[in-house]
Amino acid sequence: MDQDLIQNLTSLVTKAQVLTAARGYNDFERDEQWPSPCETEVDGQWQWAPVLQTEAGFEGDFSNVESALNIKIDQQFQAFFSTYFSSNILAKHKDGDLELLQAWSEEDYARLQQNLIGHLMMKQRLKQLPTLFFAVTDEEDLNLVVNNLTGEVCLEYVGKEPHTVLSRNLATFLAECEPV
């Protein structure tokens, strides 16, 4: 695992959780159909807090995605989604606002992988570079992706090639983000 990425992700996740708790936003209405290790009940109110996947007894990996598509998935991308179970993180970057996607549970992790396989199959069909989505923006169909060949973080419209490089890698990009 990439230690810089894990350190920067941990810092961001911790700051986001502190910020949302201070604002009272970590309270939520629990969905019994979508349980998560992130959920705790405090004084009759459900709250979320990030949980290391290993502490939840889960070790995620992307070997199934790699096998299905005969592709090697960027290590930073794998570490990004295989470190925490968490709610998505609202953040800002010098280039705009975004929502960093996170896996809420083991089931959500599996769903993420299924969506990633569909995305990569579309990229293959369109004869485009393989990219790996990890965040969304306020603009419809504009996502943040990791270029699976270079590790660069880019902006990309759904179904199109990446059009703007934002950072040389995911660890650096996370260091440039602040939760909101």
C-alpha atoms as a PDB file:
ATOM      1  CA  MET A   1       0.000   0.000   0.000  1.00  0.00           C
ATOM      2  CA  ASP A   2       1.094   3.539  -0.699  1.00  0.00           C
ATOM      3  CA  GLN A   3       1.950   5.145   2.659  1.00  0.00           C
ATOM      4  CA  ASP A   4       1.671   8.755   1.401  1.00  0.00           C
ATOM      5  CA  LEU A   5      -1.796   8.069   0.066  1.00  0.00           C
ATOM      6  CA  ILE A   6      -2.928   6.361   3.294  1.00  0.00           C
ATOM      7  CA  GLN A   7      -1.511   9.205   5.399  1.00  0.00           C
ATOM      8  CA  ASN A   8      -3.211  11.877   3.244  1.00  0.00           C
ATOM      9  CA  LEU A   9      -6.493   9.934   3.119  1.00  0.00           C
ATOM     10  CA  THR A  10      -6.440   9.403   6.896  1.00  0.00           C
ATOM     11  CA  SER A  11      -5.867  13.109   7.448  1.00  0.00           C
ATOM     12  CA  LEU A  12      -8.734  14.034   5.133  1.00  0.00           C
ATOM     13  CA  VAL A  13     -11.146  11.430   6.543  1.00  0.00           C
ATOM     14  CA  THR A  14     -10.318  12.468  10.122  1.00  0.00           C
ATOM     15  CA  LYS A  15     -10.787  16.174   9.378  1.00  0.00           C
ATOM     16  CA  ALA A  16     -14.081  15.462   7.592  1.00  0.00           C
ATOM     17  CA  GLN A  17     -15.406  13.402  10.493  1.00  0.00           C
ATOM     18  CA  VAL A  18     -14.424  16.077  13.055  1.00  0.00           C
ATOM     19  CA  LEU A  19     -15.994  18.793  10.889  1.00  0.00           C
ATOM     20  CA  THR A  20     -19.255  16.922  10.355  1.00  0.00           C
ATOM     21  CA  ALA A  21     -19.492  15.990  14.052  1.00  0.00           C
ATOM     22  CA  ALA A  22     -18.916  19.621  15.094  1.00  0.00           C
ATOM     23  CA  ARG A  23     -21.719  20.703  12.768  1.00  0.00           C
ATOM     24  CA  GLY A  24     -24.000  17.862  13.887  1.00  0.00           C
ATOM     25  CA  TYR A  25     -24.037  16.407  10.374  1.00  0.00           C
ATOM     26  CA  ASN A  26     -22.828  12.964  11.354  1.00  0.00           C
ATOM     27  CA  ASP A  27     -26.348  12.115  12.580  1.00  0.00           C
ATOM     28  CA  PHE A  28     -28.333  10.205   9.990  1.00  0.00           C
ATOM     29  CA  GLU A  29     -31.390   8.070   9.560  1.00  0.00           C
ATOM     30  CA  ARG A  30     -30.265   4.455   9.565  1.00  0.00           C
ATOM     31  CA  ASP A  31     -31.276   2.229   6.656  1.00  0.00           C
ATOM     32  CA  GLU A  32     -31.644  -1.307   7.987  1.00  0.00           C
ATOM     33  CA  GLN A  33     -31.288  -2.644   4.424  1.00  0.00           C
ATOM     34  CA  TRP A  34     -27.844  -1.020   4.087  1.00  0.00           C
ATOM     35  CA  PRO A  35     -25.934  -1.680   7.354  1.00  0.00           C
ATOM     36  CA  SER A  36     -22.352  -0.512   7.816  1.00  0.00           C
ATOM     37  CA  PRO A  37     -19.534  -0.866  10.335  1.00  0.00           C
ATOM     38  CA  CYS A  38     -19.511   2.984  10.261  1.00  0.00           C
ATOM     39  CA  GLU A  39     -22.784   3.145  12.185  1.00  0.00           C
ATOM     40  CA  THR A  40     -23.047   3.632  15.926  1.00  0.00           C
ATOM     41  CA  GLU A  41     -25.986   4.541  18.107  1.00  0.00           C
ATOM     42  CA  VAL A  42     -25.345   7.369  20.564  1.00  0.00           C
ATOM     43  CA  ASP A  43     -28.140   8.432  22.922  1.00  0.00           C
ATOM     44  CA  GLY A  44     -30.800   7.009  20.597  1.00  0.00           C
ATOM     45  CA  GLN A  45     -29.379   8.783  17.531  1.00  0.00           C
ATOM     46  CA  TRP A  46     -27.521   7.019  14.716  1.00  0.00           C
ATOM     47  CA  GLN A  47     -24.139   8.509  13.820  1.00  0.00           C
ATOM     48  CA  TRP A  48     -21.405   7.562  11.388  1.00  0.00           C
ATOM     49  CA  ALA A  49     -17.654   7.519  11.830  1.00  0.00           C
ATOM     50  CA  PRO A  50     -15.008   6.148   9.457  1.00  0.00           C
ATOM     51  CA  VAL A  51     -13.734   2.668  10.280  1.00  0.00           C
ATOM     52  CA  LEU A  52     -10.569   1.018   9.016  1.00  0.00           C
ATOM     53  CA  GLN A  53     -11.607  -1.913   6.869  1.00  0.00           C
ATOM     54  CA  THR A  54      -9.108  -4.162   8.631  1.00  0.00           C
ATOM     55  CA  GLU A  55     -10.721  -3.301  11.995  1.00  0.00           C
ATOM     56  CA  ALA A  56     -14.046  -4.411  10.505  1.00  0.00           C
ATOM     57  CA  GLY A  57     -12.460  -7.747   9.542  1.00  0.00           C
ATOM     58  CA  PHE A  58     -12.385  -6.936   5.828  1.00  0.00           C
ATOM     59  CA  GLU A  59      -9.462  -6.918   3.437  1.00  0.00           C
ATOM     60  CA  GLY A  60     -10.584  -5.475   0.149  1.00  0.00           C
ATOM     61  CA  ASP A  61      -8.688  -5.908  -3.050  1.00  0.00           C
ATOM     62  CA  PHE A  62      -9.314  -5.505  -6.744  1.00  0.00           C
ATOM     63  CA  SER A  63      -8.000  -8.861  -7.959  1.00  0.00           C
ATOM     64  CA  ASN A  64     -11.478  -9.795  -9.205  1.00  0.00           C
ATOM     65  CA  VAL A  65     -11.613  -6.629 -11.337  1.00  0.00           C
ATOM     66  CA  GLU A  66      -8.088  -7.263 -12.598  1.00  0.00           C
ATOM     67  CA  SER A  67      -8.948 -10.875 -13.510  1.00  0.00           C
ATOM     68  CA  ALA A  68     -12.239  -9.962 -15.167  1.00  0.00           C
ATOM     69  CA  LEU A  69     -10.608  -7.394 -17.452  1.00  0.00           C
ATOM     70  CA  ASN A  70      -7.034  -8.667 -17.659  1.00  0.00           C
ATOM     71  CA  ILE A  71      -5.762  -5.336 -16.343  1.00  0.00           C
ATOM     72  CA  LYS A  72      -3.587  -4.188 -13.435  1.00  0.00           C
ATOM     73  CA  ILE A  73      -5.391  -1.576 -11.285  1.00  0.00           C
ATOM     74  CA  ASP A  74      -3.363   1.412 -10.024  1.00  0.00           C
ATOM     75  CA  GLN A  75      -2.086   0.736  -6.482  1.00  0.00           C
ATOM     76  CA  GLN A  76      -3.030   4.186  -5.144  1.00  0.00           C
ATOM     77  CA  PHE A  77      -6.578   3.738  -6.397  1.00  0.00           C
ATOM     78  CA  GLN A  78      -6.742   0.338  -4.691  1.00  0.00           C
ATOM     79  CA  ALA A  79      -5.453   1.813  -1.423  1.00  0.00           C
ATOM     80  CA  PHE A  80      -7.956   4.690  -1.650  1.00  0.00           C
ATOM     81  CA  PHE A  81     -10.923   2.313  -1.634  1.00  0.00           C
ATOM     82  CA  SER A  82      -9.379  -0.450   0.520  1.00  0.00           C
ATOM     83  CA  THR A  83      -8.491   1.537   3.635  1.00  0.00           C
ATOM     84  CA  TYR A  84     -11.748   2.841   5.168  1.00  0.00           C
ATOM     85  CA  PHE A  85     -15.438   2.188   5.292  1.00  0.00           C
ATOM     86  CA  SER A  86     -16.847   5.704   5.354  1.00  0.00           C
ATOM     87  CA  SER A  87     -19.532   8.030   4.182  1.00  0.00           C
ATOM     88  CA  ASN A  88     -18.598   9.990   1.062  1.00  0.00           C
ATOM     89  CA  ILE A  89     -16.477  13.060   1.819  1.00  0.00           C
ATOM     90  CA  LEU A  90     -17.413  16.534   0.623  1.00  0.00           C
ATOM     91  CA  ALA A  91     -14.251  18.456  -0.145  1.00  0.00           C
ATOM     92  CA  LYS A  92     -12.822  21.394  -2.004  1.00  0.00           C
ATOM     93  CA  HIS A  93      -9.760  21.554  -4.210  1.00  0.00           C
ATOM     94  CA  LYS A  94      -8.203  24.619  -5.814  1.00  0.00           C
ATOM     95  CA  ASP A  95      -9.957  23.521  -9.020  1.00  0.00           C
ATOM     96  CA  GLY A  96     -13.421  23.141  -7.483  1.00  0.00           C
ATOM     97  CA  ASP A  97     -15.777  21.313  -5.147  1.00  0.00           C
ATOM     98  CA  LEU A  98     -16.049  17.541  -5.186  1.00  0.00           C
ATOM     99  CA  GLU A  99     -17.385  14.508  -3.392  1.00  0.00           C
ATOM    100  CA  LEU A 100     -14.857  11.769  -2.723  1.00  0.00           C
ATOM    101  CA  LEU A 101     -16.535   8.393  -3.030  1.00  0.00           C
ATOM    102  CA  GLN A 102     -16.039   5.842  -0.278  1.00  0.00           C
ATOM    103  CA  ALA A 103     -17.296   2.327   0.391  1.00  0.00           C
ATOM    104  CA  TRP A 104     -19.951   2.306   3.140  1.00  0.00           C
ATOM    105  CA  SER A 105     -19.811  -1.463   3.677  1.00  0.00           C
ATOM    106  CA  GLU A 106     -18.627  -4.732   2.156  1.00  0.00           C
ATOM    107  CA  GLU A 107     -21.729  -4.762  -0.050  1.00  0.00           C
ATOM    108  CA  ASP A 108     -21.013  -1.207  -1.204  1.00  0.00           C
ATOM    109  CA  TYR A 109     -17.406  -2.202  -1.936  1.00  0.00           C
ATOM    110  CA  ALA A 110     -18.673  -5.021  -4.169  1.00  0.00           C
ATOM    111  CA  ARG A 111     -21.085  -2.627  -5.895  1.00  0.00           C
ATOM    112  CA  LEU A 112     -18.223  -0.158  -6.485  1.00  0.00           C
ATOM    113  CA  GLN A 113     -16.220  -2.931  -8.142  1.00  0.00           C
ATOM    114  CA  GLN A 114     -19.154  -3.900 -10.365  1.00  0.00           C
ATOM    115  CA  ASN A 115     -19.554  -0.260 -11.436  1.00  0.00           C
ATOM    116  CA  LEU A 116     -15.807  -0.016 -12.080  1.00  0.00           C
ATOM    117  CA  ILE A 117     -15.911  -3.124 -14.284  1.00  0.00           C
ATOM    118  CA  GLY A 118     -18.778  -1.568 -16.269  1.00  0.00           C
ATOM    119  CA  HIS A 119     -16.853   1.705 -16.586  1.00  0.00           C
ATOM    120  CA  LEU A 120     -13.668  -0.035 -17.758  1.00  0.00           C
ATOM    121  CA  MET A 121     -15.603  -2.158 -20.255  1.00  0.00           C
ATOM    122  CA  MET A 122     -17.133   1.029 -21.686  1.00  0.00           C
ATOM    123  CA  LYS A 123     -13.644   2.565 -21.951  1.00  0.00           C
ATOM    124  CA  GLN A 124     -12.409  -0.547 -23.788  1.00  0.00           C
ATOM    125  CA  ARG A 125     -15.391  -0.508 -26.146  1.00  0.00           C
ATOM    126  CA  LEU A 126     -14.760   3.183 -26.922  1.00  0.00           C
ATOM    127  CA  LYS A 127     -11.034   2.437 -27.396  1.00  0.00           C
ATOM    128  CA  GLN A 128     -10.136   4.987 -24.693  1.00  0.00           C
ATOM    129  CA  LEU A 129      -7.489   5.020 -21.988  1.00  0.00           C
ATOM    130  CA  PRO A 130      -8.474   3.074 -18.863  1.00  0.00           C
ATOM    131  CA  THR A 131      -9.531   5.454 -16.090  1.00  0.00           C
ATOM    132  CA  LEU A 132     -10.725   4.779 -12.556  1.00  0.00           C
ATOM    133  CA  PHE A 133     -13.409   7.045 -11.052  1.00  0.00           C
ATOM    134  CA  PHE A 134     -13.059   8.107  -7.422  1.00  0.00           C
ATOM    135  CA  ALA A 135     -14.981  11.398  -7.067  1.00  0.00           C
ATOM    136  CA  VAL A 136     -17.822  13.388  -8.581  1.00  0.00           C
ATOM    137  CA  THR A 137     -18.281  17.116  -9.100  1.00  0.00           C
ATOM    138  CA  ASP A 138     -21.296  19.421  -9.043  1.00  0.00           C
ATOM    139  CA  GLU A 139     -21.268  19.407 -12.834  1.00  0.00           C
ATOM    140  CA  GLU A 140     -23.386  16.632 -14.324  1.00  0.00           C
ATOM    141  CA  ASP A 141     -21.348  13.807 -15.870  1.00  0.00           C
ATOM    142  CA  LEU A 142     -18.000  15.343 -14.824  1.00  0.00           C
ATOM    143  CA  ASN A 143     -15.951  12.980 -12.679  1.00  0.00           C
ATOM    144  CA  LEU A 144     -12.498  12.832 -11.191  1.00  0.00           C
ATOM    145  CA  VAL A 145     -10.538   9.805 -12.326  1.00  0.00           C
ATOM    146  CA  VAL A 146      -7.127   8.227 -11.990  1.00  0.00           C
ATOM    147  CA  ASN A 147      -5.463   7.519 -15.333  1.00  0.00           C
ATOM    148  CA  ASN A 148      -4.682   3.841 -14.817  1.00  0.00           C
ATOM    149  CA  LEU A 149      -1.573   4.064 -17.031  1.00  0.00           C
ATOM    150  CA  THR A 150       0.076   7.148 -15.487  1.00  0.00           C
ATOM    151  CA  GLY A 151      -1.528   7.503 -12.033  1.00  0.00           C
ATOM    152  CA  GLU A 152      -2.460  11.119 -12.792  1.00  0.00           C
ATOM    153  CA  VAL A 153      -5.678  12.579 -11.395  1.00  0.00           C
ATOM    154  CA  CYS A 154      -7.814  14.012 -14.195  1.00  0.00           C
ATOM    155  CA  LEU A 155     -11.202  15.495 -14.972  1.00  0.00           C
ATOM    156  CA  GLU A 156     -13.283  13.402 -17.324  1.00  0.00           C
ATOM    157  CA  TYR A 157     -16.791  13.618 -18.742  1.00  0.00           C
ATOM    158  CA  VAL A 158     -18.594  10.274 -18.817  1.00  0.00           C
ATOM    159  CA  GLY A 159     -17.822   8.490 -22.084  1.00  0.00           C
ATOM    160  CA  LYS A 160     -14.991  10.871 -23.003  1.00  0.00           C
ATOM    161  CA  GLU A 161     -11.209  10.898 -22.624  1.00  0.00           C
ATOM    162  CA  PRO A 162      -9.757  12.768 -19.626  1.00  0.00           C
ATOM    163  CA  HIS A 163      -9.351  16.430 -20.572  1.00  0.00           C
ATOM    164  CA  THR A 164      -7.541  18.116 -17.664  1.00  0.00           C
ATOM    165  CA  VAL A 165      -4.758  16.798 -15.416  1.00  0.00           C
ATOM    166  CA  LEU A 166      -5.234  18.086 -11.854  1.00  0.00           C
ATOM    167  CA  SER A 167      -2.403  16.311 -10.062  1.00  0.00           C
ATOM    168  CA  ARG A 168       0.473  13.937 -10.749  1.00  0.00           C
ATOM    169  CA  ASN A 169      -1.002  11.278  -8.444  1.00  0.00           C
ATOM    170  CA  LEU A 170      -3.822  10.542  -6.025  1.00  0.00           C
ATOM    171  CA  ALA A 171      -1.732  11.029  -2.854  1.00  0.00           C
ATOM    172  CA  THR A 172      -0.763  14.556  -3.933  1.00  0.00           C
ATOM    173  CA  PHE A 173      -4.340  15.352  -4.977  1.00  0.00           C
ATOM    174  CA  LEU A 174      -5.684  14.307  -1.547  1.00  0.00           C
ATOM    175  CA  ALA A 175      -3.093  16.507   0.164  1.00  0.00           C
ATOM    176  CA  GLU A 176      -4.477  19.434  -1.844  1.00  0.00           C
ATOM    177  CA  CYS A 177      -8.088  18.827  -0.685  1.00  0.00           C
ATOM    178  CA  GLU A 178      -9.902  20.161   2.379  1.00  0.00           C
ATOM    179  CA  PRO A 179     -13.192  18.810   3.703  1.00  0.00           C
ATOM    180  CA  VAL A 180     -16.192  21.153   3.683  1.00  0.00           C
END
